[in-house]
Amino acid sequence: MRKITLADIRSLPEYEAMREALRRHVIDLKKRRRLYVGDRISLVFENRETVLYQIQEMVRAEHLTSPEAIQDEIDTYNRSVPEDGELSATMLIELTDRDDVRAEMDRLVGINEHVRLRIGSEHTVPGVFEPGWSREDRVAAVQYVKFPLAPAQRDAFRSGREPISLEVDHPNYQTVAQLDQAMRETLADDLG
């Protein structure tokens, strides 16, 4: 998938003129790319369009106009644009009970070692998390994960013959979520 370049970024006035329509479009797009994995975790599978929107929003929020500052944002977020043969996602730990957030987050330390994509019974793709978002004693509520698929795994993913699921097997959180056909087709396009 082609990475974002400085030429892709709209000027602030240009972006403001189109922002509301683009925002509605990306919200709808992300709904189709969001997978709920149990009651505490969701993954939003990113693509070039979702990342470009995020960069535009950061440029807007921070009133960035210098090419160097905008390029810094591009460099940061381009890591979320999947390479050919991989899926890229933002993983969100979503807790609603404010009183228990710290205790629940502590219970999920190490979760990034327990997330995998399963394609049928033959293929397992462990999530590869971006370093720096978790430590031995802490876990971040937002993390970035990639699932690099070997050629045979890509073929199985695209074939439509095998069920595809996302599994979490952490000692304090075990769950499985199946990808429906629409999401599978959407993500198959991301694989290049």
N, C-alpha and C. Protein backbone atom coordinates (compact mmCIF):
# COMPACT_ATOMS: atom_id res chain seq x y z
N MET A 1 0.85 -1.17 0.00
CA MET A 1 0.00 0.00 0.00
C MET A 1 0.90 1.24 0.00
N ARG A 2 0.56 2.18 -0.83
CA ARG A 2 1.38 3.38 -0.98
C ARG A 2 1.33 4.23 0.29
N LYS A 3 2.50 4.68 0.73
CA LYS A 3 2.61 5.52 1.92
C LYS A 3 2.14 6.95 1.62
N ILE A 4 1.86 7.68 2.68
CA ILE A 4 1.44 9.08 2.56
C ILE A 4 2.67 9.94 2.28
N THR A 5 2.52 10.92 1.42
CA THR A 5 3.60 11.87 1.15
C THR A 5 3.09 13.28 1.44
N LEU A 6 4.00 14.21 1.48
CA LEU A 6 3.65 15.61 1.73
C LEU A 6 2.67 16.12 0.68
N ALA A 7 2.80 15.64 -0.55
CA ALA A 7 1.90 16.07 -1.63
C ALA A 7 0.45 15.65 -1.39
N ASP A 8 0.23 14.64 -0.54
CA ASP A 8 -1.13 14.17 -0.25
C ASP A 8 -1.88 15.06 0.76
N ILE A 9 -1.15 15.88 1.49
CA ILE A 9 -1.74 16.67 2.57
C ILE A 9 -2.32 17.96 2.01
N ARG A 10 -3.58 18.19 2.35
CA ARG A 10 -4.27 19.41 1.90
C ARG A 10 -3.90 20.59 2.80
N SER A 11 -3.95 21.77 2.25
CA SER A 11 -3.74 22.97 3.06
C SER A 11 -4.88 23.08 4.07
N LEU A 12 -4.66 23.83 5.13
CA LEU A 12 -5.69 23.97 6.16
C LEU A 12 -7.00 24.52 5.58
N PRO A 13 -7.01 25.58 4.78
CA PRO A 13 -8.29 26.05 4.23
C PRO A 13 -8.97 25.02 3.33
N GLU A 14 -8.17 24.34 2.52
CA GLU A 14 -8.71 23.32 1.62
C GLU A 14 -9.32 22.17 2.44
N TYR A 15 -8.61 21.75 3.49
CA TYR A 15 -9.11 20.66 4.32
C TYR A 15 -10.38 21.06 5.06
N GLU A 16 -10.42 22.27 5.59
CA GLU A 16 -11.62 22.74 6.30
C GLU A 16 -12.86 22.67 5.42
N ALA A 17 -12.69 23.01 4.15
CA ALA A 17 -13.82 23.01 3.22
C ALA A 17 -14.39 21.62 2.99
N MET A 18 -13.57 20.61 3.12
CA MET A 18 -14.03 19.25 2.84
C MET A 18 -14.13 18.37 4.09
N ARG A 19 -13.76 18.92 5.23
CA ARG A 19 -13.58 18.13 6.45
C ARG A 19 -14.85 17.39 6.88
N GLU A 20 -15.97 18.03 6.90
CA GLU A 20 -17.18 17.38 7.44
C GLU A 20 -17.58 16.17 6.59
N ALA A 21 -17.55 16.30 5.30
CA ALA A 21 -17.89 15.17 4.42
C ALA A 21 -16.87 14.05 4.58
N LEU A 22 -15.60 14.40 4.65
CA LEU A 22 -14.55 13.40 4.82
C LEU A 22 -14.68 12.71 6.18
N ARG A 23 -14.99 13.48 7.19
CA ARG A 23 -15.16 12.92 8.55
C ARG A 23 -16.26 11.86 8.56
N ARG A 24 -17.41 12.19 7.96
CA ARG A 24 -18.51 11.22 7.90
C ARG A 24 -18.09 9.96 7.15
N HIS A 25 -17.37 10.16 6.05
CA HIS A 25 -16.91 9.02 5.24
C HIS A 25 -15.97 8.12 6.05
N VAL A 26 -15.01 8.71 6.74
CA VAL A 26 -14.03 7.92 7.48
C VAL A 26 -14.68 7.24 8.69
N ILE A 27 -15.64 7.89 9.33
CA ILE A 27 -16.36 7.23 10.43
C ILE A 27 -17.05 5.98 9.91
N ASP A 28 -17.70 6.08 8.76
CA ASP A 28 -18.35 4.91 8.17
C ASP A 28 -17.32 3.85 7.78
N LEU A 29 -16.23 4.29 7.20
CA LEU A 29 -15.16 3.37 6.81
C LEU A 29 -14.62 2.61 8.02
N LYS A 30 -14.36 3.33 9.12
CA LYS A 30 -13.81 2.69 10.31
C LYS A 30 -14.81 1.73 10.96
N LYS A 31 -16.09 2.01 10.85
CA LYS A 31 -17.09 1.07 11.38
C LYS A 31 -16.94 -0.29 10.70
N ARG A 32 -16.68 -0.27 9.41
CA ARG A 32 -16.53 -1.51 8.65
C ARG A 32 -15.18 -2.17 8.87
N ARG A 33 -14.26 -1.45 9.51
CA ARG A 33 -12.91 -1.97 9.73
C ARG A 33 -12.65 -2.23 11.21
N ARG A 34 -13.67 -2.09 12.04
CA ARG A 34 -13.52 -2.29 13.49
C ARG A 34 -14.01 -3.68 13.86
N LEU A 35 -13.17 -4.39 14.63
CA LEU A 35 -13.53 -5.72 15.11
C LEU A 35 -13.51 -5.69 16.63
N TYR A 36 -14.64 -5.99 17.23
CA TYR A 36 -14.72 -6.08 18.69
C TYR A 36 -14.29 -7.48 19.10
N VAL A 37 -13.31 -7.53 19.99
CA VAL A 37 -12.77 -8.80 20.46
C VAL A 37 -13.10 -8.88 21.94
N GLY A 38 -14.27 -9.43 22.24
CA GLY A 38 -14.75 -9.45 23.62
C GLY A 38 -15.30 -8.09 24.01
N ASP A 39 -15.39 -7.87 25.31
CA ASP A 39 -16.01 -6.64 25.80
C ASP A 39 -15.01 -5.54 26.16
N ARG A 40 -13.73 -5.78 25.98
CA ARG A 40 -12.73 -4.78 26.38
C ARG A 40 -11.77 -4.36 25.28
N ILE A 41 -11.73 -5.09 24.21
CA ILE A 41 -10.74 -4.81 23.17
C ILE A 41 -11.42 -4.68 21.81
N SER A 42 -10.95 -3.70 21.05
CA SER A 42 -11.34 -3.62 19.65
C SER A 42 -10.10 -3.31 18.83
N LEU A 43 -10.14 -3.71 17.59
CA LEU A 43 -9.07 -3.39 16.65
C LEU A 43 -9.69 -2.66 15.47
N VAL A 44 -9.06 -1.57 15.08
CA VAL A 44 -9.45 -0.85 13.88
C VAL A 44 -8.34 -1.10 12.87
N PHE A 45 -8.68 -1.82 11.81
CA PHE A 45 -7.69 -2.14 10.79
C PHE A 45 -7.50 -0.90 9.91
N GLU A 46 -6.26 -0.44 9.87
CA GLU A 46 -5.94 0.81 9.18
C GLU A 46 -5.61 0.55 7.72
N ASN A 47 -5.83 1.58 6.93
CA ASN A 47 -5.38 1.57 5.55
C ASN A 47 -4.91 2.99 5.21
N ARG A 48 -4.56 3.21 4.00
CA ARG A 48 -4.02 4.51 3.60
C ARG A 48 -5.02 5.63 3.89
N GLU A 49 -6.27 5.38 3.61
CA GLU A 49 -7.31 6.39 3.78
C GLU A 49 -7.52 6.77 5.26
N THR A 50 -7.54 5.79 6.15
CA THR A 50 -7.74 6.10 7.57
C THR A 50 -6.53 6.83 8.14
N VAL A 51 -5.34 6.48 7.67
CA VAL A 51 -4.12 7.13 8.16
C VAL A 51 -4.02 8.55 7.62
N LEU A 52 -4.35 8.75 6.37
CA LEU A 52 -4.32 10.10 5.80
C LEU A 52 -5.27 11.02 6.57
N TYR A 53 -6.44 10.51 6.89
CA TYR A 53 -7.40 11.30 7.67
C TYR A 53 -6.80 11.68 9.03
N GLN A 54 -6.16 10.73 9.69
CA GLN A 54 -5.56 10.99 11.01
C GLN A 54 -4.48 12.07 10.91
N ILE A 55 -3.68 12.00 9.87
CA ILE A 55 -2.63 13.01 9.68
C ILE A 55 -3.27 14.38 9.44
N GLN A 56 -4.28 14.42 8.58
CA GLN A 56 -4.95 15.71 8.32
C GLN A 56 -5.54 16.29 9.60
N GLU A 57 -6.10 15.43 10.43
CA GLU A 57 -6.67 15.91 11.70
C GLU A 57 -5.59 16.45 12.63
N MET A 58 -4.44 15.80 12.66
CA MET A 58 -3.34 16.28 13.50
C MET A 58 -2.80 17.61 12.97
N VAL A 59 -2.67 17.73 11.67
CA VAL A 59 -2.22 18.99 11.07
C VAL A 59 -3.21 20.10 11.42
N ARG A 60 -4.49 19.80 11.36
CA ARG A 60 -5.52 20.79 11.70
C ARG A 60 -5.47 21.16 13.17
N ALA A 61 -5.45 20.15 14.04
CA ALA A 61 -5.50 20.39 15.49
C ALA A 61 -4.28 21.19 15.97
N GLU A 62 -3.14 20.93 15.36
CA GLU A 62 -1.91 21.60 15.80
C GLU A 62 -1.56 22.80 14.94
N HIS A 63 -2.43 23.13 13.98
CA HIS A 63 -2.23 24.28 13.09
C HIS A 63 -0.85 24.24 12.43
N LEU A 64 -0.50 23.06 11.92
CA LEU A 64 0.81 22.89 11.31
C LEU A 64 0.80 23.46 9.89
N THR A 65 1.81 24.23 9.58
CA THR A 65 1.94 24.77 8.23
C THR A 65 3.32 24.53 7.64
N SER A 66 4.33 24.35 8.47
CA SER A 66 5.67 24.14 7.92
C SER A 66 5.79 22.72 7.38
N PRO A 67 6.40 22.59 6.21
CA PRO A 67 6.56 21.26 5.62
C PRO A 67 7.30 20.29 6.54
N GLU A 68 8.25 20.79 7.32
CA GLU A 68 9.01 19.91 8.22
C GLU A 68 8.12 19.34 9.33
N ALA A 69 7.27 20.19 9.90
CA ALA A 69 6.38 19.73 10.97
C ALA A 69 5.34 18.74 10.43
N ILE A 70 4.83 19.02 9.25
CA ILE A 70 3.86 18.11 8.63
C ILE A 70 4.54 16.79 8.29
N GLN A 71 5.76 16.86 7.79
CA GLN A 71 6.50 15.63 7.46
C GLN A 71 6.73 14.78 8.71
N ASP A 72 6.96 15.42 9.85
CA ASP A 72 7.10 14.67 11.11
C ASP A 72 5.84 13.87 11.41
N GLU A 73 4.68 14.48 11.21
CA GLU A 73 3.41 13.76 11.42
C GLU A 73 3.27 12.60 10.43
N ILE A 74 3.61 12.87 9.19
CA ILE A 74 3.55 11.83 8.16
C ILE A 74 4.44 10.66 8.55
N ASP A 75 5.67 10.96 8.96
CA ASP A 75 6.61 9.90 9.33
C ASP A 75 6.09 9.08 10.51
N THR A 76 5.46 9.73 11.46
CA THR A 76 4.91 9.04 12.63
C THR A 76 3.77 8.12 12.24
N TYR A 77 2.82 8.63 11.48
CA TYR A 77 1.62 7.86 11.17
C TYR A 77 1.79 6.88 10.01
N ASN A 78 2.77 7.11 9.14
CA ASN A 78 2.98 6.19 8.03
C ASN A 78 3.29 4.77 8.50
N ARG A 79 3.77 4.64 9.72
CA ARG A 79 4.04 3.29 10.25
C ARG A 79 2.75 2.46 10.32
N SER A 80 1.60 3.13 10.36
CA SER A 80 0.33 2.40 10.44
C SER A 80 -0.23 2.01 9.08
N VAL A 81 0.35 2.51 8.01
CA VAL A 81 -0.08 2.10 6.67
C VAL A 81 0.51 0.71 6.43
N PRO A 82 -0.34 -0.28 6.16
CA PRO A 82 0.20 -1.63 6.00
C PRO A 82 1.08 -1.76 4.76
N GLU A 83 2.12 -2.56 4.91
CA GLU A 83 2.96 -2.94 3.77
C GLU A 83 2.22 -4.04 3.01
N ASP A 84 2.65 -4.32 1.79
CA ASP A 84 2.05 -5.43 1.06
C ASP A 84 2.22 -6.71 1.89
N GLY A 85 1.16 -7.48 1.99
CA GLY A 85 1.22 -8.75 2.69
C GLY A 85 1.02 -8.65 4.18
N GLU A 86 0.62 -7.49 4.67
CA GLU A 86 0.37 -7.39 6.11
C GLU A 86 -0.90 -6.60 6.37
N LEU A 87 -1.47 -6.87 7.53
CA LEU A 87 -2.58 -6.08 8.04
C LEU A 87 -2.04 -5.24 9.18
N SER A 88 -2.57 -4.05 9.33
CA SER A 88 -2.12 -3.13 10.36
C SER A 88 -3.34 -2.63 11.11
N ALA A 89 -3.24 -2.59 12.44
CA ALA A 89 -4.41 -2.19 13.24
C ALA A 89 -4.00 -1.35 14.44
N THR A 90 -4.93 -0.54 14.87
CA THR A 90 -4.84 0.14 16.15
C THR A 90 -5.67 -0.68 17.12
N MET A 91 -5.04 -1.15 18.18
CA MET A 91 -5.75 -1.93 19.19
C MET A 91 -6.10 -1.01 20.35
N LEU A 92 -7.37 -1.02 20.72
CA LEU A 92 -7.88 -0.18 21.80
C LEU A 92 -8.37 -1.05 22.95
N ILE A 93 -7.88 -0.77 24.13
CA ILE A 93 -8.43 -1.40 25.34
C ILE A 93 -9.46 -0.42 25.87
N GLU A 94 -10.71 -0.84 25.85
CA GLU A 94 -11.82 0.05 26.16
C GLU A 94 -12.45 -0.35 27.49
N LEU A 95 -12.16 0.45 28.50
CA LEU A 95 -12.72 0.20 29.83
C LEU A 95 -13.63 1.37 30.19
N THR A 96 -14.79 1.06 30.78
CA THR A 96 -15.76 2.11 31.06
C THR A 96 -15.92 2.43 32.54
N ASP A 97 -15.58 1.52 33.41
CA ASP A 97 -15.74 1.75 34.85
C ASP A 97 -14.51 2.50 35.37
N ARG A 98 -14.65 3.80 35.54
CA ARG A 98 -13.52 4.66 35.94
C ARG A 98 -12.85 4.19 37.23
N ASP A 99 -13.62 3.64 38.14
CA ASP A 99 -13.05 3.22 39.43
C ASP A 99 -12.09 2.05 39.29
N ASP A 100 -12.29 1.24 38.27
CA ASP A 100 -11.48 0.03 38.12
C ASP A 100 -10.47 0.08 36.98
N VAL A 101 -10.33 1.22 36.32
CA VAL A 101 -9.48 1.29 35.13
C VAL A 101 -8.05 0.86 35.44
N ARG A 102 -7.45 1.42 36.45
CA ARG A 102 -6.05 1.10 36.77
C ARG A 102 -5.90 -0.39 37.09
N ALA A 103 -6.78 -0.95 37.91
CA ALA A 103 -6.69 -2.36 38.27
C ALA A 103 -6.88 -3.25 37.03
N GLU A 104 -7.83 -2.90 36.17
CA GLU A 104 -8.08 -3.70 34.97
C GLU A 104 -6.90 -3.61 34.00
N MET A 105 -6.35 -2.41 33.85
CA MET A 105 -5.18 -2.26 32.96
C MET A 105 -4.01 -3.08 33.51
N ASP A 106 -3.83 -3.06 34.82
CA ASP A 106 -2.75 -3.86 35.42
C ASP A 106 -2.95 -5.35 35.15
N ARG A 107 -4.21 -5.79 35.14
CA ARG A 107 -4.50 -7.20 34.87
C ARG A 107 -4.18 -7.59 33.42
N LEU A 108 -4.11 -6.59 32.53
CA LEU A 108 -3.88 -6.87 31.11
C LEU A 108 -2.42 -6.67 30.67
N VAL A 109 -1.54 -6.43 31.62
CA VAL A 109 -0.12 -6.29 31.29
C VAL A 109 0.33 -7.54 30.53
N GLY A 110 1.03 -7.34 29.43
CA GLY A 110 1.52 -8.45 28.62
C GLY A 110 0.56 -8.92 27.55
N ILE A 111 -0.57 -8.24 27.41
CA ILE A 111 -1.57 -8.69 26.43
C ILE A 111 -1.01 -8.69 25.01
N ASN A 112 -0.05 -7.81 24.74
CA ASN A 112 0.51 -7.75 23.40
C ASN A 112 1.27 -9.02 23.01
N GLU A 113 1.53 -9.90 23.96
CA GLU A 113 2.16 -11.19 23.66
C GLU A 113 1.12 -12.28 23.37
N HIS A 114 -0.15 -11.92 23.41
CA HIS A 114 -1.21 -12.93 23.35
C HIS A 114 -2.29 -12.63 22.32
N VAL A 115 -1.95 -11.93 21.26
CA VAL A 115 -2.92 -11.57 20.22
C VAL A 115 -2.47 -12.21 18.92
N ARG A 116 -3.38 -12.91 18.26
CA ARG A 116 -3.01 -13.56 17.00
C ARG A 116 -4.22 -13.65 16.07
N LEU A 117 -3.90 -13.72 14.80
CA LEU A 117 -4.89 -13.91 13.75
C LEU A 117 -4.83 -15.39 13.37
N ARG A 118 -5.98 -16.02 13.31
CA ARG A 118 -6.03 -17.43 12.92
C ARG A 118 -6.82 -17.55 11.62
N ILE A 119 -6.22 -18.26 10.66
CA ILE A 119 -6.85 -18.49 9.37
C ILE A 119 -7.05 -19.99 9.25
N GLY A 120 -8.28 -20.40 9.43
CA GLY A 120 -8.57 -21.83 9.43
C GLY A 120 -7.85 -22.52 10.57
N SER A 121 -7.53 -23.79 10.39
CA SER A 121 -6.84 -24.53 11.44
C SER A 121 -5.33 -24.62 11.19
N GLU A 122 -4.90 -24.17 10.02
CA GLU A 122 -3.48 -24.35 9.66
C GLU A 122 -2.61 -23.13 9.85
N HIS A 123 -3.20 -21.96 9.87
CA HIS A 123 -2.39 -20.74 9.85
C HIS A 123 -2.64 -19.87 11.08
N THR A 124 -1.55 -19.54 11.78
CA THR A 124 -1.62 -18.63 12.91
C THR A 124 -0.60 -17.53 12.69
N VAL A 125 -1.06 -16.28 12.82
CA VAL A 125 -0.20 -15.12 12.59
C VAL A 125 -0.15 -14.32 13.89
N PRO A 126 0.95 -14.38 14.63
CA PRO A 126 1.05 -13.60 15.87
C PRO A 126 1.09 -12.11 15.55
N GLY A 127 0.44 -11.31 16.40
CA GLY A 127 0.52 -9.87 16.26
C GLY A 127 1.91 -9.38 16.61
N VAL A 128 2.41 -8.45 15.81
CA VAL A 128 3.71 -7.82 16.06
C VAL A 128 3.42 -6.38 16.48
N PHE A 129 3.63 -6.11 17.75
CA PHE A 129 3.27 -4.80 18.30
C PHE A 129 4.41 -3.81 18.17
N GLU A 130 4.06 -2.55 17.91
CA GLU A 130 5.06 -1.49 17.86
C GLU A 130 5.65 -1.34 19.26
N PRO A 131 6.96 -1.32 19.35
CA PRO A 131 7.58 -1.22 20.67
C PRO A 131 7.32 0.15 21.32
N GLY A 132 7.42 0.16 22.64
CA GLY A 132 7.33 1.40 23.38
C GLY A 132 5.98 1.71 23.98
N TRP A 133 4.98 0.88 23.69
CA TRP A 133 3.63 1.16 24.20
C TRP A 133 3.29 0.35 25.43
N SER A 134 4.10 -0.60 25.75
CA SER A 134 3.89 -1.42 26.95
C SER A 134 5.23 -1.67 27.60
N ARG A 135 5.16 -1.91 28.89
CA ARG A 135 6.36 -2.27 29.66
C ARG A 135 6.00 -3.52 30.46
N GLU A 136 6.98 -4.00 31.22
CA GLU A 136 6.72 -5.18 32.04
C GLU A 136 5.64 -4.94 33.08
N ASP A 137 5.48 -3.68 33.51
CA ASP A 137 4.52 -3.39 34.57
C ASP A 137 3.36 -2.50 34.13
N ARG A 138 3.30 -2.13 32.85
CA ARG A 138 2.24 -1.26 32.35
C ARG A 138 1.86 -1.65 30.94
N VAL A 139 0.60 -1.37 30.62
CA VAL A 139 0.12 -1.58 29.26
C VAL A 139 -0.62 -0.31 28.84
N ALA A 140 -0.41 0.11 27.59
CA ALA A 140 -1.10 1.29 27.07
C ALA A 140 -2.48 0.92 26.57
N ALA A 141 -3.42 1.84 26.70
CA ALA A 141 -4.79 1.61 26.24
C ALA A 141 -4.88 1.63 24.71
N VAL A 142 -3.91 2.25 24.05
CA VAL A 142 -3.86 2.28 22.59
C VAL A 142 -2.51 1.71 22.17
N GLN A 143 -2.56 0.73 21.27
CA GLN A 143 -1.33 0.11 20.78
C GLN A 143 -1.48 -0.14 19.28
N TYR A 144 -0.34 -0.32 18.63
CA TYR A 144 -0.32 -0.51 17.18
C TYR A 144 0.27 -1.87 16.88
N VAL A 145 -0.47 -2.64 16.07
CA VAL A 145 -0.09 -4.03 15.82
C VAL A 145 -0.16 -4.32 14.32
N LYS A 146 0.75 -5.17 13.89
CA LYS A 146 0.75 -5.63 12.50
C LYS A 146 0.68 -7.15 12.48
N PHE A 147 0.08 -7.66 11.43
CA PHE A 147 -0.02 -9.09 11.21
C PHE A 147 0.61 -9.38 9.85
N PRO A 148 1.90 -9.74 9.83
CA PRO A 148 2.57 -10.04 8.55
C PRO A 148 2.21 -11.46 8.09
N LEU A 149 1.59 -11.56 6.93
CA LEU A 149 1.15 -12.85 6.41
C LEU A 149 2.11 -13.36 5.35
N ALA A 150 2.53 -14.60 5.50
CA ALA A 150 3.33 -15.27 4.49
C ALA A 150 2.44 -15.52 3.26
N PRO A 151 3.03 -15.79 2.10
CA PRO A 151 2.22 -15.99 0.89
C PRO A 151 1.11 -17.04 1.05
N ALA A 152 1.39 -18.17 1.68
CA ALA A 152 0.35 -19.20 1.85
C ALA A 152 -0.76 -18.70 2.77
N GLN A 153 -0.42 -17.90 3.77
CA GLN A 153 -1.42 -17.34 4.67
C GLN A 153 -2.29 -16.32 3.94
N ARG A 154 -1.68 -15.51 3.07
CA ARG A 154 -2.45 -14.55 2.27
C ARG A 154 -3.43 -15.27 1.36
N ASP A 155 -2.95 -16.33 0.73
CA ASP A 155 -3.83 -17.10 -0.17
C ASP A 155 -5.01 -17.68 0.61
N ALA A 156 -4.74 -18.22 1.79
CA ALA A 156 -5.81 -18.79 2.61
C ALA A 156 -6.77 -17.70 3.06
N PHE A 157 -6.25 -16.53 3.41
CA PHE A 157 -7.10 -15.42 3.83
C PHE A 157 -8.04 -15.02 2.69
N ARG A 158 -7.48 -14.90 1.49
CA ARG A 158 -8.27 -14.44 0.34
C ARG A 158 -9.24 -15.49 -0.18
N SER A 159 -8.95 -16.75 0.07
CA SER A 159 -9.72 -17.84 -0.55
C SER A 159 -11.19 -17.85 -0.15
N GLY A 160 -11.48 -17.44 1.08
CA GLY A 160 -12.87 -17.49 1.54
C GLY A 160 -13.30 -18.85 2.02
N ARG A 161 -12.41 -19.84 1.97
CA ARG A 161 -12.78 -21.20 2.36
C ARG A 161 -12.62 -21.46 3.85
N GLU A 162 -11.72 -20.75 4.49
CA GLU A 162 -11.43 -20.99 5.90
C GLU A 162 -11.97 -19.86 6.77
N PRO A 163 -12.46 -20.16 7.95
CA PRO A 163 -12.87 -19.09 8.86
C PRO A 163 -11.64 -18.31 9.34
N ILE A 164 -11.84 -17.03 9.59
CA ILE A 164 -10.75 -16.19 10.09
C ILE A 164 -11.21 -15.58 11.41
N SER A 165 -10.32 -15.64 12.39
CA SER A 165 -10.65 -15.09 13.70
C SER A 165 -9.47 -14.35 14.28
N LEU A 166 -9.76 -13.50 15.22
CA LEU A 166 -8.74 -12.84 16.00
C LEU A 166 -8.88 -13.39 17.42
N GLU A 167 -7.77 -13.85 17.97
CA GLU A 167 -7.80 -14.51 19.27
C GLU A 167 -6.91 -13.78 20.26
N VAL A 168 -7.38 -13.72 21.48
CA VAL A 168 -6.59 -13.22 22.60
C VAL A 168 -6.59 -14.32 23.64
N ASP A 169 -5.38 -14.74 24.06
CA ASP A 169 -5.30 -15.83 25.04
C ASP A 169 -4.46 -15.42 26.25
N HIS A 170 -4.65 -14.19 26.68
CA HIS A 170 -3.98 -13.68 27.88
C HIS A 170 -4.56 -14.39 29.11
N PRO A 171 -3.77 -14.65 30.14
CA PRO A 171 -4.30 -15.34 31.33
C PRO A 171 -5.54 -14.67 31.94
N ASN A 172 -5.65 -13.34 31.80
CA ASN A 172 -6.79 -12.62 32.38
C ASN A 172 -7.81 -12.17 31.35
N TYR A 173 -7.64 -12.58 30.10
CA TYR A 173 -8.59 -12.17 29.06
C TYR A 173 -8.45 -13.13 27.88
N GLN A 174 -9.41 -14.03 27.77
CA GLN A 174 -9.42 -14.98 26.66
C GLN A 174 -10.71 -14.79 25.87
N THR A 175 -10.54 -14.57 24.58
CA THR A 175 -11.71 -14.39 23.74
C THR A 175 -11.33 -14.59 22.27
N VAL A 176 -12.34 -14.81 21.45
CA VAL A 176 -12.16 -15.00 20.02
C VAL A 176 -13.25 -14.22 19.31
N ALA A 177 -12.88 -13.55 18.22
CA ALA A 177 -13.86 -12.84 17.40
C ALA A 177 -13.68 -13.27 15.95
N GLN A 178 -14.78 -13.64 15.33
CA GLN A 178 -14.76 -14.05 13.92
C GLN A 178 -14.88 -12.84 13.01
N LEU A 179 -14.12 -12.83 11.93
CA LEU A 179 -14.29 -11.81 10.91
C LEU A 179 -15.45 -12.23 10.02
N ASP A 180 -16.38 -11.30 9.79
CA ASP A 180 -17.47 -11.63 8.87
C ASP A 180 -16.97 -11.47 7.43
N GLN A 181 -17.80 -11.89 6.49
CA GLN A 181 -17.38 -11.90 5.09
C GLN A 181 -17.05 -10.51 4.57
N ALA A 182 -17.83 -9.50 4.97
CA ALA A 182 -17.58 -8.14 4.51
C ALA A 182 -16.22 -7.64 4.99
N MET A 183 -15.89 -7.89 6.26
CA MET A 183 -14.60 -7.45 6.78
C MET A 183 -13.47 -8.22 6.11
N ARG A 184 -13.68 -9.48 5.93
CA ARG A 184 -12.66 -10.31 5.28
C ARG A 184 -12.33 -9.77 3.89
N GLU A 185 -13.35 -9.43 3.12
CA GLU A 185 -13.14 -8.90 1.77
C GLU A 185 -12.43 -7.55 1.81
N THR A 186 -12.82 -6.71 2.76
CA THR A 186 -12.19 -5.40 2.92
C THR A 186 -10.71 -5.57 3.24
N LEU A 187 -10.40 -6.45 4.18
CA LEU A 187 -9.01 -6.62 4.61
C LEU A 187 -8.18 -7.36 3.55
N ALA A 188 -8.82 -8.21 2.77
CA ALA A 188 -8.09 -8.91 1.69
C ALA A 188 -7.52 -7.88 0.70
N ASP A 189 -8.24 -6.80 0.49
CA ASP A 189 -7.74 -5.73 -0.39
C ASP A 189 -6.49 -5.08 0.19
N ASP A 190 -6.41 -5.02 1.52
CA ASP A 190 -5.25 -4.39 2.17
C ASP A 190 -3.97 -5.20 1.97
N LEU A 191 -4.12 -6.48 1.71
CA LEU A 191 -2.94 -7.34 1.61
C LEU A 191 -2.11 -7.11 0.34
N GLY A 192 -2.66 -6.31 -0.59
CA GLY A 192 -1.90 -5.98 -1.80
C GLY A 192 -2.01 -7.05 -2.86
